[in-house]
């Protein structure tokens, strides 16, 4: 029997020399023997695509990324360009890629995250202290006896 991912409780039988459709097998990201999602293969393909975009340092089409995964020896023979495009769309939905269009061509680009601006005040423990509004020199809460401020100042 051949497992159908859409109808798990239904047994399908087919001639041994026929290749089941991708709707039944789930495509190349599913293990042909078990019918389970192949996390390792999917992660390898995703990592290869992200490394390619990092090295390229510019946007690329799904076809270019697919070609790179083939040349790098990561893509399986039965993986299609459409499956790579679907994988890239999912990564874009997760926020790691920008999906843009140039004419009719869809391009994918790394989404670069910048670190938030920090300065001496935002880095100091006083900026997140819940009782900083009560802090005064010589007061009950004061900088002279603050263990957090002392520890922070010792870094310098």
Protein backbone atom coordinates (compact mmCIF):
# COMPACT_ATOMS: atom_id res chain seq x y z
CA UNK A 1 0.00 0.00 0.00
CA UNK A 2 0.91 3.62 -0.47
CA UNK A 3 0.17 6.11 2.31
CA UNK A 4 -1.93 9.15 1.39
CA UNK A 5 -1.10 12.20 3.50
CA UNK A 6 -4.51 13.74 2.91
CA UNK A 7 -6.45 10.57 3.85
CA UNK A 8 -4.33 8.77 6.41
CA UNK A 9 -6.96 6.13 7.23
CA UNK A 10 -7.48 5.16 3.59
CA UNK A 11 -5.25 2.51 2.00
CA UNK A 12 -4.24 3.08 -1.60
CA UNK A 13 -2.84 0.39 -3.83
CA UNK A 14 -0.95 1.02 -7.03
CA UNK A 15 1.11 -0.83 -9.54
CA UNK A 16 4.72 -1.19 -8.44
CA UNK A 17 6.19 0.50 -11.55
CA UNK A 18 4.13 3.70 -11.18
CA UNK A 19 5.30 6.81 -9.34
CA UNK A 20 2.64 8.19 -6.93
CA UNK A 21 1.63 11.82 -7.35
CA UNK A 22 3.04 14.49 -5.02
CA UNK A 23 -0.47 15.06 -3.61
CA UNK A 24 -0.32 11.52 -2.23
CA UNK A 25 3.33 11.36 -1.11
CA UNK A 26 3.67 14.94 0.14
CA UNK A 27 6.59 15.70 -2.17
CA UNK A 28 10.31 15.53 -1.52
CA UNK A 29 10.11 16.95 2.00
CA UNK A 30 8.37 13.76 3.14
CA UNK A 31 10.18 10.47 3.64
CA UNK A 32 9.05 8.02 0.96
CA UNK A 33 9.22 5.03 3.30
CA UNK A 34 7.49 6.42 6.41
CA UNK A 35 5.41 9.24 4.90
CA UNK A 36 6.65 11.52 7.71
CA UNK A 37 7.96 15.05 7.24
CA UNK A 38 11.75 14.97 6.79
CA UNK A 39 12.90 17.72 9.17
CA UNK A 40 16.59 17.09 8.51
CA UNK A 41 16.25 17.41 4.73
CA UNK A 42 14.03 20.48 5.02
CA UNK A 43 16.48 22.16 7.43
CA UNK A 44 19.41 21.33 5.13
CA UNK A 45 17.63 22.86 2.14
CA UNK A 46 16.66 25.95 4.12
CA UNK A 47 20.21 26.39 5.47
CA UNK A 48 21.69 25.98 1.98
CA UNK A 49 19.30 28.62 0.60
CA UNK A 50 20.06 31.07 3.42
CA UNK A 51 23.83 30.57 3.02
CA UNK A 52 23.50 31.22 -0.71
CA UNK A 53 21.61 34.47 -0.09
CA UNK A 54 24.19 35.50 2.53
CA UNK A 55 27.14 34.88 0.18
CA UNK A 56 25.34 36.50 -2.75
CA UNK A 57 24.39 39.55 -0.67
CA UNK A 58 21.48 40.35 -3.00
CA UNK A 59 18.06 39.04 -3.96
CA UNK A 60 17.69 35.81 -5.94
CA UNK A 61 14.86 33.96 -7.63
CA UNK A 62 13.59 30.56 -6.51
CA UNK A 63 15.09 29.11 -9.72
CA UNK A 64 18.56 30.48 -8.81
CA UNK A 65 18.28 29.17 -5.26
CA UNK A 66 17.02 25.80 -6.55
CA UNK A 67 20.00 25.62 -8.93
CA UNK A 68 22.40 26.40 -6.08
CA UNK A 69 20.94 23.65 -3.88
CA UNK A 70 21.36 21.20 -6.79
CA UNK A 71 24.97 22.28 -7.46
CA UNK A 72 25.77 22.10 -3.74
CA UNK A 73 24.52 18.51 -3.70
CA UNK A 74 21.86 19.22 -1.06
CA UNK A 75 18.70 18.92 -3.20
CA UNK A 76 17.41 15.43 -3.87
CA UNK A 77 16.90 14.43 -7.51
CA UNK A 78 13.11 14.51 -7.15
CA UNK A 79 12.95 17.97 -5.51
CA UNK A 80 11.24 20.49 -7.78
CA UNK A 81 11.64 24.25 -8.23
CA UNK A 82 8.05 24.64 -7.03
CA UNK A 83 8.85 22.87 -3.76
CA UNK A 84 11.84 25.17 -3.23
CA UNK A 85 9.63 28.21 -3.98
CA UNK A 86 7.06 26.94 -1.44
CA UNK A 87 9.81 26.46 1.15
CA UNK A 88 11.08 30.01 0.50
CA UNK A 89 7.53 31.39 0.81
CA UNK A 90 7.24 29.70 4.22
CA UNK A 91 10.58 31.19 5.34
CA UNK A 92 9.36 34.61 4.15
CA UNK A 93 6.15 34.14 6.16
CA UNK A 94 8.30 33.41 9.22
CA UNK A 95 10.02 36.77 8.67
CA UNK A 96 13.55 35.65 7.74
CA UNK A 97 13.26 36.65 4.07
CA UNK A 98 11.81 39.52 2.07
CA UNK A 99 9.70 38.40 -0.88
CA UNK A 100 9.63 41.02 -3.64
CA UNK A 101 8.82 41.23 -7.33
CA UNK A 102 10.88 42.61 -10.18
CA UNK A 103 8.54 42.63 -13.16
CA UNK A 104 6.96 39.18 -13.15
CA UNK A 105 9.89 37.55 -11.33
CA UNK A 106 9.58 36.79 -7.61
CA UNK A 107 12.79 37.42 -5.66
CA UNK A 108 13.88 36.46 -2.16
CA UNK A 109 16.29 38.49 -0.05
CA UNK A 110 17.65 38.08 3.46
CA UNK A 111 15.87 40.19 5.99
CA UNK A 112 18.56 41.92 8.03
CA UNK A 113 17.69 42.72 11.61
CA UNK A 114 19.52 45.57 13.29
CA UNK A 115 20.28 45.69 16.96
CA UNK A 116 18.40 48.27 18.98
CA UNK A 117 20.22 51.49 19.78
CA UNK A 118 21.97 51.39 23.13
CA UNK A 119 23.91 53.99 25.06
CA UNK A 120 25.34 54.27 28.55
CA UNK A 121 21.97 55.07 30.09
CA UNK A 122 19.97 52.29 28.38
CA UNK A 123 22.71 49.79 29.27
CA UNK A 124 22.86 50.84 32.95
CA UNK A 125 20.80 48.85 35.45
CA UNK A 126 19.02 52.08 36.45
CA UNK A 127 17.11 52.09 33.12
CA UNK A 128 15.24 48.91 34.06
CA UNK A 129 15.13 49.31 37.84
CA UNK A 130 11.53 49.17 39.15
CA UNK A 131 12.34 51.55 42.05
CA UNK A 132 14.50 54.07 40.17
CA UNK A 133 11.86 56.75 40.78
CA UNK A 134 12.64 56.44 44.54
CA UNK A 135 16.42 56.49 44.06
CA UNK A 136 18.19 59.54 45.55
CA UNK A 137 21.69 60.18 46.89
CA UNK A 138 21.52 59.49 50.65
CA UNK A 139 17.98 58.01 50.40
CA UNK A 140 16.70 54.57 51.36
CA UNK A 141 17.19 53.56 47.70
CA UNK A 142 20.43 55.23 46.61
CA UNK A 143 23.23 54.82 44.05
CA UNK A 144 25.87 54.60 46.83
CA UNK A 145 24.50 51.27 48.14
CA UNK A 146 23.03 49.80 44.93
CA UNK A 147 24.58 46.37 44.30
CA UNK A 148 23.41 46.33 40.66
CA UNK A 149 24.99 49.70 39.87
CA UNK A 150 28.23 48.75 41.69
CA UNK A 151 28.48 45.49 39.73
CA UNK A 152 27.78 47.30 36.46
CA UNK A 153 30.41 49.99 37.17
CA UNK A 154 33.04 47.33 37.95
CA UNK A 155 32.91 46.30 34.27
CA UNK A 156 34.66 49.52 33.35
